[in-house]
């Protein structure tokens, strides 16, 4: 943020000490995010290996959309109520969300080949890694860019929802490429925002623990949405 300043509690610390605090916080965020991705992959593999469950999800649209609504509810609940949760409950809520994402992602194996899903995951991970490194190391303030990206994301969501009814191929591909650019930018923006946030919370304790979970959720959502959009391009249909 352009008007952001280090909290007074850290004003007397050296740059090296502040960098250590930031590094420790970011590592905790990435540990949670990585755990979330692992849980998602495990839930997807378990669902795929349970043919009856997978068939039920695929053949019951109401159940599938119910699972997606459950994901939305958990994200809103975690974001809104995290201050009143213990770190353990916040972590379990995040993991519960990751499980639901994995269960719904199992449907992708009925649409795309396993090899193209795996290769797209690799492309997503590489792109994510590059942009998060940029966001962490750049000295350029990305706040204005982040605000523009958030507004663009709102427009993207509206266009994608509208196209559920219009079924317009042109809108489909425009939202795909624009969405990829938005989430690539958000990865860098969210990383820089988390780096700054690390100095606003204590290095240890409940506040830092819950902040790292919320940070992991933000990056997890960036990763998942980027993956889904890239899959539109690189996924090979069965």
C-alpha atoms as a PDB file:
ATOM      1  CA  UNK A   1       0.000   0.000   0.000  1.00  0.00           C
ATOM      2  CA  UNK A   2       1.319   3.419  -0.864  1.00  0.00           C
ATOM      3  CA  UNK A   3       0.588   4.859   2.608  1.00  0.00           C
ATOM      4  CA  UNK A   4       1.546   1.740   4.538  1.00  0.00           C
ATOM      5  CA  UNK A   5       4.107   2.071   7.330  1.00  0.00           C
ATOM      6  CA  UNK A   6       5.737  -0.480   9.598  1.00  0.00           C
ATOM      7  CA  UNK A   7       4.021  -0.716  12.995  1.00  0.00           C
ATOM      8  CA  UNK A   8       5.811   1.102  15.775  1.00  0.00           C
ATOM      9  CA  UNK A   9       6.618  -2.190  17.474  1.00  0.00           C
ATOM     10  CA  UNK A  10       9.048  -2.892  14.638  1.00  0.00           C
ATOM     11  CA  UNK A  11      10.349   0.632  14.028  1.00  0.00           C
ATOM     12  CA  UNK A  12      13.411  -0.003  16.200  1.00  0.00           C
ATOM     13  CA  UNK A  13      14.288  -3.296  14.540  1.00  0.00           C
ATOM     14  CA  UNK A  14      16.931  -3.667  11.877  1.00  0.00           C
ATOM     15  CA  UNK A  15      16.103  -4.381   8.256  1.00  0.00           C
ATOM     16  CA  UNK A  16      17.533  -7.871   8.710  1.00  0.00           C
ATOM     17  CA  UNK A  17      15.192  -8.569  11.637  1.00  0.00           C
ATOM     18  CA  UNK A  18      12.185  -7.355   9.674  1.00  0.00           C
ATOM     19  CA  UNK A  19      13.184  -9.509   6.714  1.00  0.00           C
ATOM     20  CA  UNK A  20      13.405 -12.514   9.025  1.00  0.00           C
ATOM     21  CA  UNK A  21       9.885 -11.825  10.322  1.00  0.00           C
ATOM     22  CA  UNK A  22       8.563 -11.482   6.783  1.00  0.00           C
ATOM     23  CA  UNK A  23      10.316 -14.643   5.627  1.00  0.00           C
ATOM     24  CA  UNK A  24       8.987 -16.652   8.549  1.00  0.00           C
ATOM     25  CA  UNK A  25       5.426 -15.454   7.990  1.00  0.00           C
ATOM     26  CA  UNK A  26       5.511 -16.140   4.236  1.00  0.00           C
ATOM     27  CA  UNK A  27       6.927 -19.625   4.848  1.00  0.00           C
ATOM     28  CA  UNK A  28       4.059 -20.343   7.241  1.00  0.00           C
ATOM     29  CA  UNK A  29       1.570 -19.095   4.646  1.00  0.00           C
ATOM     30  CA  UNK A  30       3.068 -21.356   1.987  1.00  0.00           C
ATOM     31  CA  UNK A  31       3.099 -24.307   4.339  1.00  0.00           C
ATOM     32  CA  UNK A  32      -0.657 -23.929   4.840  1.00  0.00           C
ATOM     33  CA  UNK A  33      -1.264 -23.374   1.136  1.00  0.00           C
ATOM     34  CA  UNK A  34       0.780 -26.430   0.184  1.00  0.00           C
ATOM     35  CA  UNK A  35      -1.076 -28.520   2.745  1.00  0.00           C
ATOM     36  CA  UNK A  36      -4.344 -27.282   1.265  1.00  0.00           C
ATOM     37  CA  UNK A  37      -3.282 -28.348  -2.247  1.00  0.00           C
ATOM     38  CA  UNK A  38      -2.166 -31.753  -0.964  1.00  0.00           C
ATOM     39  CA  UNK A  39      -5.510 -32.262   0.797  1.00  0.00           C
ATOM     40  CA  UNK A  40      -7.344 -31.210  -2.378  1.00  0.00           C
ATOM     41  CA  UNK A  41      -5.367 -33.685  -4.482  1.00  0.00           C
ATOM     42  CA  UNK A  42      -5.937 -36.476  -1.934  1.00  0.00           C
ATOM     43  CA  UNK A  43      -9.697 -35.763  -1.816  1.00  0.00           C
ATOM     44  CA  UNK A  44      -9.879 -35.779  -5.615  1.00  0.00           C
ATOM     45  CA  UNK A  45      -7.977 -39.086  -5.863  1.00  0.00           C
ATOM     46  CA  UNK A  46     -10.165 -40.652  -3.173  1.00  0.00           C
ATOM     47  CA  UNK A  47     -13.319 -39.579  -5.010  1.00  0.00           C
ATOM     48  CA  UNK A  48     -11.978 -40.895  -8.325  1.00  0.00           C
ATOM     49  CA  UNK A  49     -11.140 -44.215  -6.684  1.00  0.00           C
ATOM     50  CA  UNK A  50     -14.720 -44.459  -5.398  1.00  0.00           C
ATOM     51  CA  UNK A  51     -16.637 -44.957  -8.666  1.00  0.00           C
ATOM     52  CA  UNK A  52     -20.051 -44.953  -7.011  1.00  0.00           C
ATOM     53  CA  UNK A  53     -19.469 -41.564  -5.398  1.00  0.00           C
ATOM     54  CA  UNK A  54     -17.982 -40.064  -8.553  1.00  0.00           C
ATOM     55  CA  UNK A  55     -20.897 -41.333 -10.647  1.00  0.00           C
ATOM     56  CA  UNK A  56     -23.357 -39.857  -8.157  1.00  0.00           C
ATOM     57  CA  UNK A  57     -21.672 -36.448  -8.291  1.00  0.00           C
ATOM     58  CA  UNK A  58     -21.490 -36.449 -12.097  1.00  0.00           C
ATOM     59  CA  UNK A  59     -25.056 -37.649 -12.591  1.00  0.00           C
ATOM     60  CA  UNK A  60     -26.623 -35.428  -9.925  1.00  0.00           C
ATOM     61  CA  UNK A  61     -26.263 -31.746 -10.883  1.00  0.00           C
ATOM     62  CA  UNK A  62     -28.037 -30.653  -7.712  1.00  0.00           C
ATOM     63  CA  UNK A  63     -25.429 -32.419  -5.572  1.00  0.00           C
ATOM     64  CA  UNK A  64     -22.550 -30.968  -7.597  1.00  0.00           C
ATOM     65  CA  UNK A  65     -23.840 -27.417  -7.288  1.00  0.00           C
ATOM     66  CA  UNK A  66     -24.561 -28.067  -3.626  1.00  0.00           C
ATOM     67  CA  UNK A  67     -20.889 -28.934  -3.112  1.00  0.00           C
ATOM     68  CA  UNK A  68     -19.872 -25.754  -4.910  1.00  0.00           C
ATOM     69  CA  UNK A  69     -22.208 -23.715  -2.717  1.00  0.00           C
ATOM     70  CA  UNK A  70     -20.635 -25.420   0.290  1.00  0.00           C
ATOM     71  CA  UNK A  71     -17.235 -24.199  -0.888  1.00  0.00           C
ATOM     72  CA  UNK A  72     -18.528 -20.641  -1.172  1.00  0.00           C
ATOM     73  CA  UNK A  73     -20.123 -20.775   2.276  1.00  0.00           C
ATOM     74  CA  UNK A  74     -16.903 -22.044   3.879  1.00  0.00           C
ATOM     75  CA  UNK A  75     -14.812 -19.298   2.266  1.00  0.00           C
ATOM     76  CA  UNK A  76     -17.212 -16.589   3.416  1.00  0.00           C
ATOM     77  CA  UNK A  77     -17.492 -18.134   6.875  1.00  0.00           C
ATOM     78  CA  UNK A  78     -13.727 -18.409   7.327  1.00  0.00           C
ATOM     79  CA  UNK A  79     -13.065 -14.880   6.090  1.00  0.00           C
ATOM     80  CA  UNK A  80     -15.818 -13.287   8.175  1.00  0.00           C
ATOM     81  CA  UNK A  81     -15.466 -15.274  11.392  1.00  0.00           C
ATOM     82  CA  UNK A  82     -11.733 -15.997  11.608  1.00  0.00           C
ATOM     83  CA  UNK A  83     -11.219 -13.370  14.330  1.00  0.00           C
ATOM     84  CA  UNK A  84     -13.571 -15.328  16.606  1.00  0.00           C
ATOM     85  CA  UNK A  85     -12.018 -18.730  15.837  1.00  0.00           C
ATOM     86  CA  UNK A  86      -9.082 -20.465  17.396  1.00  0.00           C
ATOM     87  CA  UNK A  87      -6.226 -21.186  14.974  1.00  0.00           C
ATOM     88  CA  UNK A  88      -7.134 -24.890  15.122  1.00  0.00           C
ATOM     89  CA  UNK A  89     -10.744 -24.250  14.039  1.00  0.00           C
ATOM     90  CA  UNK A  90      -9.601 -21.848  11.315  1.00  0.00           C
ATOM     91  CA  UNK A  91      -7.164 -24.459  10.034  1.00  0.00           C
ATOM     92  CA  UNK A  92      -9.811 -27.200  10.068  1.00  0.00           C
ATOM     93  CA  UNK A  93     -12.221 -24.931   8.188  1.00  0.00           C
ATOM     94  CA  UNK A  94      -9.574 -24.275   5.539  1.00  0.00           C
ATOM     95  CA  UNK A  95      -8.873 -28.004   5.248  1.00  0.00           C
ATOM     96  CA  UNK A  96     -12.608 -28.690   4.991  1.00  0.00           C
ATOM     97  CA  UNK A  97     -12.773 -26.240   2.117  1.00  0.00           C
ATOM     98  CA  UNK A  98      -9.806 -27.956   0.454  1.00  0.00           C
ATOM     99  CA  UNK A  99     -11.584 -31.317   0.740  1.00  0.00           C
ATOM    100  CA  UNK A 100     -14.724 -29.967  -0.942  1.00  0.00           C
ATOM    101  CA  UNK A 101     -12.642 -28.497  -3.760  1.00  0.00           C
ATOM    102  CA  UNK A 102     -10.955 -31.865  -4.255  1.00  0.00           C
ATOM    103  CA  UNK A 103     -14.279 -33.702  -4.392  1.00  0.00           C
ATOM    104  CA  UNK A 104     -15.648 -31.318  -7.033  1.00  0.00           C
ATOM    105  CA  UNK A 105     -12.350 -31.354  -8.957  1.00  0.00           C
ATOM    106  CA  UNK A 106     -12.727 -35.116  -9.410  1.00  0.00           C
ATOM    107  CA  UNK A 107     -15.310 -34.302 -12.082  1.00  0.00           C
ATOM    108  CA  UNK A 108     -12.530 -32.773 -14.208  1.00  0.00           C
ATOM    109  CA  UNK A 109     -11.169 -36.269 -14.848  1.00  0.00           C
ATOM    110  CA  UNK A 110     -14.402 -37.045 -16.674  1.00  0.00           C
ATOM    111  CA  UNK A 111     -13.853 -34.074 -18.983  1.00  0.00           C
ATOM    112  CA  UNK A 112     -10.085 -33.852 -19.505  1.00  0.00           C
ATOM    113  CA  UNK A 113      -7.356 -36.460 -19.877  1.00  0.00           C
ATOM    114  CA  UNK A 114      -5.238 -37.147 -16.800  1.00  0.00           C
ATOM    115  CA  UNK A 115      -2.030 -36.228 -18.636  1.00  0.00           C
ATOM    116  CA  UNK A 116      -3.342 -32.805 -19.656  1.00  0.00           C
ATOM    117  CA  UNK A 117      -4.556 -32.141 -16.099  1.00  0.00           C
ATOM    118  CA  UNK A 118      -1.103 -33.022 -14.762  1.00  0.00           C
ATOM    119  CA  UNK A 119       0.716 -30.885 -17.337  1.00  0.00           C
ATOM    120  CA  UNK A 120      -1.606 -27.939 -16.693  1.00  0.00           C
ATOM    121  CA  UNK A 121      -0.936 -28.262 -12.974  1.00  0.00           C
ATOM    122  CA  UNK A 122       2.784 -28.045 -13.734  1.00  0.00           C
ATOM    123  CA  UNK A 123       2.277 -24.933 -15.883  1.00  0.00           C
ATOM    124  CA  UNK A 124       0.177 -23.367 -13.129  1.00  0.00           C
ATOM    125  CA  UNK A 125       2.756 -24.140 -10.452  1.00  0.00           C
ATOM    126  CA  UNK A 126       5.578 -22.675 -12.566  1.00  0.00           C
ATOM    127  CA  UNK A 127       3.624 -19.506 -13.363  1.00  0.00           C
ATOM    128  CA  UNK A 128       2.548 -19.147  -9.743  1.00  0.00           C
ATOM    129  CA  UNK A 129       6.110 -19.583  -8.522  1.00  0.00           C
ATOM    130  CA  UNK A 130       7.476 -16.934 -10.882  1.00  0.00           C
ATOM    131  CA  UNK A 131       4.816 -14.365  -9.999  1.00  0.00           C
ATOM    132  CA  UNK A 132       4.970 -14.939  -6.258  1.00  0.00           C
ATOM    133  CA  UNK A 133       8.759 -14.512  -6.394  1.00  0.00           C
ATOM    134  CA  UNK A 134       8.227 -11.267  -8.290  1.00  0.00           C
ATOM    135  CA  UNK A 135       5.667 -10.081  -5.758  1.00  0.00           C
ATOM    136  CA  UNK A 136       8.000 -10.887  -2.863  1.00  0.00           C
ATOM    137  CA  UNK A 137      11.142  -9.303  -4.296  1.00  0.00           C
ATOM    138  CA  UNK A 138       9.890  -6.286  -6.253  1.00  0.00           C
ATOM    139  CA  UNK A 139      10.304  -2.831  -4.731  1.00  0.00           C
ATOM    140  CA  UNK A 140       7.446  -1.490  -6.845  1.00  0.00           C
ATOM    141  CA  UNK A 141       4.219  -0.820  -4.953  1.00  0.00           C
ATOM    142  CA  UNK A 142       1.532  -3.043  -6.495  1.00  0.00           C
ATOM    143  CA  UNK A 143      -1.395  -1.558  -4.541  1.00  0.00           C
ATOM    144  CA  UNK A 144      -2.869   0.407  -7.451  1.00  0.00           C
ATOM    145  CA  UNK A 145      -2.471  -2.592  -9.736  1.00  0.00           C
ATOM    146  CA  UNK A 146      -4.154  -4.791  -7.145  1.00  0.00           C
ATOM    147  CA  UNK A 147      -7.135  -2.444  -6.863  1.00  0.00           C
ATOM    148  CA  UNK A 148      -7.559  -2.456 -10.642  1.00  0.00           C
ATOM    149  CA  UNK A 149      -7.290  -6.253 -10.728  1.00  0.00           C
ATOM    150  CA  UNK A 150      -9.958  -6.648  -8.054  1.00  0.00           C
ATOM    151  CA  UNK A 151     -12.339  -4.411 -10.024  1.00  0.00           C
ATOM    152  CA  UNK A 152     -11.529  -6.362 -13.176  1.00  0.00           C
ATOM    153  CA  UNK A 153     -12.212  -9.606 -11.304  1.00  0.00           C
ATOM    154  CA  UNK A 154     -15.693  -8.401 -10.377  1.00  0.00           C
ATOM    155  CA  UNK A 155     -16.359  -7.638 -14.051  1.00  0.00           C
ATOM    156  CA  UNK A 156     -14.970 -11.048 -15.026  1.00  0.00           C
ATOM    157  CA  UNK A 157     -17.298 -12.852 -12.604  1.00  0.00           C
ATOM    158  CA  UNK A 158     -20.309 -10.956 -13.986  1.00  0.00           C
ATOM    159  CA  UNK A 159     -19.316 -11.803 -17.581  1.00  0.00           C
ATOM    160  CA  UNK A 160     -18.758 -15.488 -16.773  1.00  0.00           C
ATOM    161  CA  UNK A 161     -22.101 -15.775 -14.988  1.00  0.00           C
ATOM    162  CA  UNK A 162     -23.857 -14.065 -17.903  1.00  0.00           C
ATOM    163  CA  UNK A 163     -22.212 -16.450 -20.336  1.00  0.00           C
ATOM    164  CA  UNK A 164     -23.690 -19.412 -18.462  1.00  0.00           C
ATOM    165  CA  UNK A 165     -26.930 -18.337 -20.137  1.00  0.00           C
ATOM    166  CA  UNK A 166     -25.564 -16.863 -23.377  1.00  0.00           C
ATOM    167  CA  UNK A 167     -23.174 -19.733 -24.266  1.00  0.00           C
ATOM    168  CA  UNK A 168     -21.151 -17.328 -26.418  1.00  0.00           C
ATOM    169  CA  UNK A 169     -17.778 -18.830 -27.514  1.00  0.00           C
ATOM    170  CA  UNK A 170     -16.230 -15.376 -27.951  1.00  0.00           C
ATOM    171  CA  UNK A 171     -17.097 -14.364 -24.376  1.00  0.00           C
ATOM    172  CA  UNK A 172     -15.821 -17.754 -23.163  1.00  0.00           C
ATOM    173  CA  UNK A 173     -12.362 -17.220 -24.651  1.00  0.00           C
ATOM    174  CA  UNK A 174     -12.147 -13.518 -23.781  1.00  0.00           C
ATOM    175  CA  UNK A 175     -12.962 -14.273 -20.135  1.00  0.00           C
ATOM    176  CA  UNK A 176     -10.439 -17.129 -20.203  1.00  0.00           C
ATOM    177  CA  UNK A 177      -7.477 -15.021 -21.306  1.00  0.00           C
ATOM    178  CA  UNK A 178      -8.477 -11.959 -19.307  1.00  0.00           C
ATOM    179  CA  UNK A 179      -9.001 -14.161 -16.252  1.00  0.00           C
ATOM    180  CA  UNK A 180      -5.531 -15.669 -16.610  1.00  0.00           C
ATOM    181  CA  UNK A 181      -3.978 -12.202 -16.706  1.00  0.00           C
ATOM    182  CA  UNK A 182      -6.020 -11.113 -13.679  1.00  0.00           C
ATOM    183  CA  UNK A 183      -4.990 -14.056 -11.515  1.00  0.00           C
ATOM    184  CA  UNK A 184      -1.348 -13.873 -12.602  1.00  0.00           C
ATOM    185  CA  UNK A 185      -1.366 -10.268 -11.401  1.00  0.00           C
ATOM    186  CA  UNK A 186      -3.227 -11.148  -8.203  1.00  0.00           C
ATOM    187  CA  UNK A 187      -0.585 -13.722  -7.267  1.00  0.00           C
ATOM    188  CA  UNK A 188       2.080 -10.996  -7.239  1.00  0.00           C
ATOM    189  CA  UNK A 189      -0.208  -8.478  -5.532  1.00  0.00           C
ATOM    190  CA  UNK A 190      -1.355 -10.866  -2.791  1.00  0.00           C
ATOM    191  CA  UNK A 191       2.221 -11.971  -2.131  1.00  0.00           C
ATOM    192  CA  UNK A 192       3.379  -8.394  -1.655  1.00  0.00           C
ATOM    193  CA  UNK A 193       0.345  -7.630   0.512  1.00  0.00           C
ATOM    194  CA  UNK A 194       1.133 -10.616   2.737  1.00  0.00           C
ATOM    195  CA  UNK A 195       4.757  -9.547   2.995  1.00  0.00           C
ATOM    196  CA  UNK A 196       3.635  -6.162   4.292  1.00  0.00           C
ATOM    197  CA  UNK A 197       0.996  -7.727   6.540  1.00  0.00           C
ATOM    198  CA  UNK A 198       3.644  -9.789   8.280  1.00  0.00           C
ATOM    199  CA  UNK A 199       4.957  -6.677  10.033  1.00  0.00           C
ATOM    200  CA  UNK A 200       1.477  -5.825  11.317  1.00  0.00           C
ATOM    201  CA  UNK A 201       1.116  -9.044  13.322  1.00  0.00           C
ATOM    202  CA  UNK A 202       3.252 -10.558  16.013  1.00  0.00           C
ATOM    203  CA  UNK A 203       5.744 -13.152  14.887  1.00  0.00           C
ATOM    204  CA  UNK A 204       4.077 -15.784  17.077  1.00  0.00           C
ATOM    205  CA  UNK A 205       0.682 -16.238  18.679  1.00  0.00           C
ATOM    206  CA  UNK A 206      -2.918 -16.613  17.554  1.00  0.00           C
ATOM    207  CA  UNK A 207      -3.056 -13.458  15.454  1.00  0.00           C
ATOM    208  CA  UNK A 208      -0.091 -14.512  13.340  1.00  0.00           C
ATOM    209  CA  UNK A 209      -1.405 -18.079  13.053  1.00  0.00           C
ATOM    210  CA  UNK A 210      -4.838 -16.983  11.848  1.00  0.00           C
ATOM    211  CA  UNK A 211      -3.364 -14.354   9.511  1.00  0.00           C
ATOM    212  CA  UNK A 212      -1.179 -17.029   7.899  1.00  0.00           C
ATOM    213  CA  UNK A 213      -4.249 -19.211   7.294  1.00  0.00           C
ATOM    214  CA  UNK A 214      -6.136 -16.336   5.662  1.00  0.00           C
ATOM    215  CA  UNK A 215      -3.075 -15.557   3.566  1.00  0.00           C
ATOM    216  CA  UNK A 216      -2.834 -19.188   2.508  1.00  0.00           C
ATOM    217  CA  UNK A 217      -6.515 -19.129   1.527  1.00  0.00           C
ATOM    218  CA  UNK A 218      -5.969 -16.070  -0.688  1.00  0.00           C
ATOM    219  CA  UNK A 219      -3.021 -17.649  -2.513  1.00  0.00           C
ATOM    220  CA  UNK A 220      -4.811 -21.012  -2.692  1.00  0.00           C
ATOM    221  CA  UNK A 221      -7.762 -19.335  -4.428  1.00  0.00           C
ATOM    222  CA  UNK A 222      -5.394 -17.585  -6.847  1.00  0.00           C
ATOM    223  CA  UNK A 223      -3.738 -20.911  -7.666  1.00  0.00           C
ATOM    224  CA  UNK A 224      -6.975 -22.874  -8.097  1.00  0.00           C
ATOM    225  CA  UNK A 225      -8.625 -20.268 -10.315  1.00  0.00           C
ATOM    226  CA  UNK A 226      -5.505 -19.863 -12.430  1.00  0.00           C
ATOM    227  CA  UNK A 227      -5.361 -23.643 -12.847  1.00  0.00           C
ATOM    228  CA  UNK A 228      -9.001 -23.848 -13.960  1.00  0.00           C
ATOM    229  CA  UNK A 229      -8.540 -21.077 -16.522  1.00  0.00           C
ATOM    230  CA  UNK A 230      -5.322 -22.557 -17.909  1.00  0.00           C
ATOM    231  CA  UNK A 231      -7.077 -25.923 -18.157  1.00  0.00           C
ATOM    232  CA  UNK A 232      -9.470 -24.356 -20.660  1.00  0.00           C
ATOM    233  CA  UNK A 233      -6.474 -23.837 -22.939  1.00  0.00           C
ATOM    234  CA  UNK A 234      -4.194 -26.772 -22.227  1.00  0.00           C
ATOM    235  CA  UNK A 235      -6.734 -29.405 -21.188  1.00  0.00           C
ATOM    236  CA  UNK A 236      -7.367 -32.139 -23.769  1.00  0.00           C
ATOM    237  CA  UNK A 237     -10.952 -33.332 -23.716  1.00  0.00           C
ATOM    238  CA  UNK A 238     -11.737 -37.017 -23.577  1.00  0.00           C
END
